[in-house]
Each structure stands twice: as structure tokens, then as C-alpha cells.
Amino acid sequence: MLNIKAALGKVKNAVSGLLMTFFRVGVSLRRRKQVGMDAAAVTQFGWMLKKGEGRHNWKRRFFQLDDRTLSYSRGERDNEPVGFIDLLDCTKIASGKSMGFTDYDGHPTTLGIVLITTVRTYYFVAENELEKYQWIQVLGEHIITTAEG
């Protein structure tokens, strides 16, 4: 009986995560239109934690992916990004799980994403499993497309 309750709890959490993701997408598209951003040019966006290069601290950033750039800012309404990653420099995208990834507390996490470029290696933590796999898939497609084209 306990296994059924645990399974139902996991299903409930997964459904809640999906609903929140779809809600955030709708809200973000409306905000983009309000501040005059081109919503059509952005193929993926959302919140992730990003590990800093110098201090190695974790900061929550809002990411936007367009044709060849992954940009990040402090918030959805920020018009100017804090930084960006040129996808032409990317050589590999991987799940942090396969690379022994740890979160900001040093604990192993399954939500990690590693993006390797010719300049540096970037570490991200997605908000949930669904978003992690979406980011890995879309970044992988963009890396292949920019390398070919």
C-alpha cells in the first residue's frame, strides 16, 4: 500500500511540475511582448542556477536561447543580458549525472547540465527533470545546427 501512495505522490509532483512549466511559459511570452522583445526569435527560455567562473558561487539566472546564443540575465524583464554563450564555441552538452555533477551544497544531483565550450565549461542546475531534458535536447540541436551551418 505504501508503494502505491509513493507512486501517486511522484505522479502528482510530476503533473504539478508540468503545469508550472506551462504556466511560466505563457507568462514569460506575455512579458516579452510587453517589453518589446521578439518572442519568435527565442526558442527556449527559463530559470536555472549557473555556477560562477571566478567565485564558483551559484546564482539564479533567466536564460534565453536564440539561433546561436544562450544569454542569461538577472530577471525576465531585464533587457540587457548579464552574459551570453556563443553556441559556435560549444563542443559538448551533457547531463551532469553522467559527469559526477554536484549541486551548490556539494551533493550529487540529477538536475545538472554541463556545457563545454572552447573557452570554458559551464555548469547549470535546472528546476526539474523535464526542464533539464528540454534544455539538453534544444541546446544539443542548436550546437549541431550551428556547427553544420
Protein backbone atom coordinates (compact mmCIF):
# COMPACT_ATOMS: atom_id res chain seq x y z
CA MET A 1 0.00 0.00 0.00
CA LEU A 2 2.86 2.36 0.75
CA ASN A 3 4.32 1.85 -2.72
CA ILE A 4 1.06 2.96 -4.33
CA LYS A 5 0.98 6.11 -2.17
CA ALA A 6 4.60 6.88 -3.04
CA ALA A 7 3.91 6.34 -6.75
CA LEU A 8 0.83 8.58 -6.61
CA GLY A 9 2.88 11.24 -4.86
CA LYS A 10 5.51 11.13 -7.61
CA VAL A 11 2.83 11.37 -10.32
CA LYS A 12 1.24 14.33 -8.53
CA ASN A 13 4.62 16.09 -8.30
CA ALA A 14 5.36 15.44 -11.99
CA VAL A 15 1.96 16.79 -13.07
CA SER A 16 2.40 19.86 -10.84
CA GLY A 17 5.83 20.47 -12.38
CA LEU A 18 4.41 20.24 -15.91
CA LEU A 19 1.58 22.65 -15.09
CA MET A 20 4.00 25.14 -13.55
CA THR A 21 6.29 24.90 -16.59
CA PHE A 22 3.41 25.61 -18.99
CA PHE A 23 2.19 28.46 -16.78
CA ARG A 24 5.68 30.04 -16.71
CA VAL A 25 5.96 29.77 -20.50
CA GLY A 26 2.68 31.64 -21.01
CA VAL A 27 3.58 34.35 -18.50
CA SER A 28 7.06 34.78 -19.98
CA LEU A 29 5.73 35.17 -23.52
CA ARG A 30 3.29 37.86 -22.35
CA ARG A 31 6.11 39.70 -20.53
CA ARG A 32 8.31 39.54 -23.63
CA LYS A 33 5.61 41.17 -25.70
CA GLN A 34 5.09 43.86 -23.02
CA VAL A 35 8.76 44.89 -23.02
CA GLY A 36 9.03 44.69 -26.82
CA MET A 37 11.21 41.56 -27.08
CA ASP A 38 10.86 39.33 -30.11
CA ALA A 39 9.27 36.19 -28.69
CA ALA A 40 9.58 34.36 -32.03
CA ALA A 41 13.39 34.57 -32.06
CA VAL A 42 13.70 32.86 -28.66
CA THR A 43 13.38 29.08 -28.95
CA GLN A 44 13.80 28.17 -25.25
CA PHE A 45 13.83 30.17 -22.03
CA GLY A 46 13.57 29.65 -18.31
CA TRP A 47 15.28 29.81 -14.94
CA MET A 48 18.35 27.80 -13.99
CA LEU A 49 21.14 28.06 -11.47
CA LYS A 50 24.52 28.92 -13.01
CA LYS A 51 27.88 28.34 -11.38
CA GLY A 52 30.12 31.41 -11.48
CA GLU A 53 33.53 31.31 -13.11
CA GLY A 54 35.58 33.21 -10.54
CA ARG A 55 33.98 32.65 -7.13
CA HIS A 56 32.25 29.40 -8.08
CA ASN A 57 29.07 30.59 -6.38
CA TRP A 58 25.62 29.66 -7.69
CA LYS A 59 23.24 32.32 -8.95
CA ARG A 60 19.73 32.00 -10.29
CA ARG A 61 19.60 33.36 -13.84
CA PHE A 62 16.96 33.68 -16.53
CA PHE A 63 18.19 32.04 -19.76
CA GLN A 64 17.10 32.68 -23.35
CA LEU A 65 18.20 30.63 -26.34
CA ASP A 66 18.01 32.05 -29.84
CA ASP A 67 19.56 30.87 -33.11
CA ARG A 68 23.17 30.79 -31.92
CA THR A 69 23.36 32.41 -28.48
CA LEU A 70 22.42 31.34 -24.96
CA SER A 71 22.07 34.58 -22.99
CA TYR A 72 21.36 34.98 -19.29
CA SER A 73 20.09 37.83 -17.17
CA ARG A 74 19.10 38.55 -13.58
CA GLY A 75 15.38 38.53 -14.41
CA GLU A 76 12.77 38.02 -17.10
CA ARG A 77 12.23 41.76 -17.51
CA ASP A 78 15.90 42.65 -17.94
CA ASN A 79 16.52 43.90 -21.47
CA GLU A 80 20.30 43.59 -21.24
CA PRO A 81 21.81 40.17 -20.52
CA VAL A 82 24.48 39.75 -17.84
CA GLY A 83 26.31 37.40 -20.19
CA PHE A 84 26.00 35.10 -23.15
CA ILE A 85 27.44 31.91 -24.58
CA ASP A 86 28.11 31.69 -28.31
CA LEU A 87 26.93 28.26 -29.43
CA LEU A 88 29.56 28.23 -32.18
CA ASP A 89 32.11 27.74 -29.37
CA CYS A 90 30.23 24.78 -27.84
CA THR A 91 31.73 21.34 -28.21
CA LYS A 92 29.57 19.23 -25.88
CA ILE A 93 26.37 19.27 -23.82
CA ALA A 94 25.82 16.58 -21.21
CA SER A 95 23.71 15.64 -18.24
CA GLY A 96 25.57 16.38 -15.04
CA LYS A 97 24.55 12.96 -13.79
CA SER A 98 26.87 11.30 -16.28
CA MET A 99 29.75 13.56 -15.20
CA GLY A 100 29.55 13.23 -11.39
CA PHE A 101 27.86 16.63 -11.03
CA THR A 102 27.20 18.10 -7.58
CA ASP A 103 24.87 20.95 -6.64
CA TYR A 104 25.68 24.10 -4.69
CA ASP A 105 25.76 22.10 -1.41
CA GLY A 106 28.19 19.54 -2.83
CA HIS A 107 25.53 16.82 -3.04
CA PRO A 108 25.08 14.70 -6.17
CA THR A 109 22.16 15.96 -8.27
CA THR A 110 20.32 14.61 -11.27
CA LEU A 111 19.31 18.12 -12.42
CA GLY A 112 22.78 19.22 -13.52
CA ILE A 113 23.74 20.26 -17.04
CA VAL A 114 27.31 20.66 -18.28
CA LEU A 115 28.02 22.80 -21.35
CA ILE A 116 31.59 22.59 -22.63
CA THR A 117 32.94 25.30 -24.93
CA THR A 118 36.35 26.07 -26.36
CA VAL A 119 36.62 28.88 -23.79
CA ARG A 120 35.30 27.32 -20.56
CA THR A 121 32.98 24.74 -19.03
CA TYR A 122 29.59 25.96 -17.77
CA TYR A 123 27.58 24.29 -15.02
CA PHE A 124 23.82 24.70 -14.64
CA VAL A 125 21.11 23.22 -12.45
CA ALA A 126 17.61 23.04 -13.96
CA GLU A 127 14.48 23.48 -11.86
CA ASN A 128 13.17 19.95 -12.59
CA GLU A 129 13.88 16.85 -14.69
CA LEU A 130 11.58 17.89 -17.53
CA GLU A 131 13.29 21.25 -17.97
CA LYS A 132 16.71 19.62 -17.74
CA TYR A 133 15.95 17.28 -20.62
CA GLN A 134 14.35 20.11 -22.63
CA TRP A 135 17.48 22.26 -22.23
CA ILE A 136 19.81 19.38 -23.13
CA GLN A 137 17.76 18.49 -26.20
CA VAL A 138 17.37 22.01 -27.57
CA LEU A 139 20.98 23.02 -26.83
CA GLY A 140 22.22 19.82 -28.47
CA GLU A 141 20.14 20.58 -31.57
CA HIS A 142 21.43 24.16 -31.70
CA ILE A 143 25.04 23.06 -31.28
CA ILE A 144 24.73 20.60 -34.16
CA THR A 145 22.88 23.15 -36.35
CA THR A 146 25.40 25.94 -35.77
CA ALA A 147 28.31 23.56 -36.40
CA GLU A 148 26.79 22.48 -39.72
CA GLY A 149 25.55 25.81 -40.90
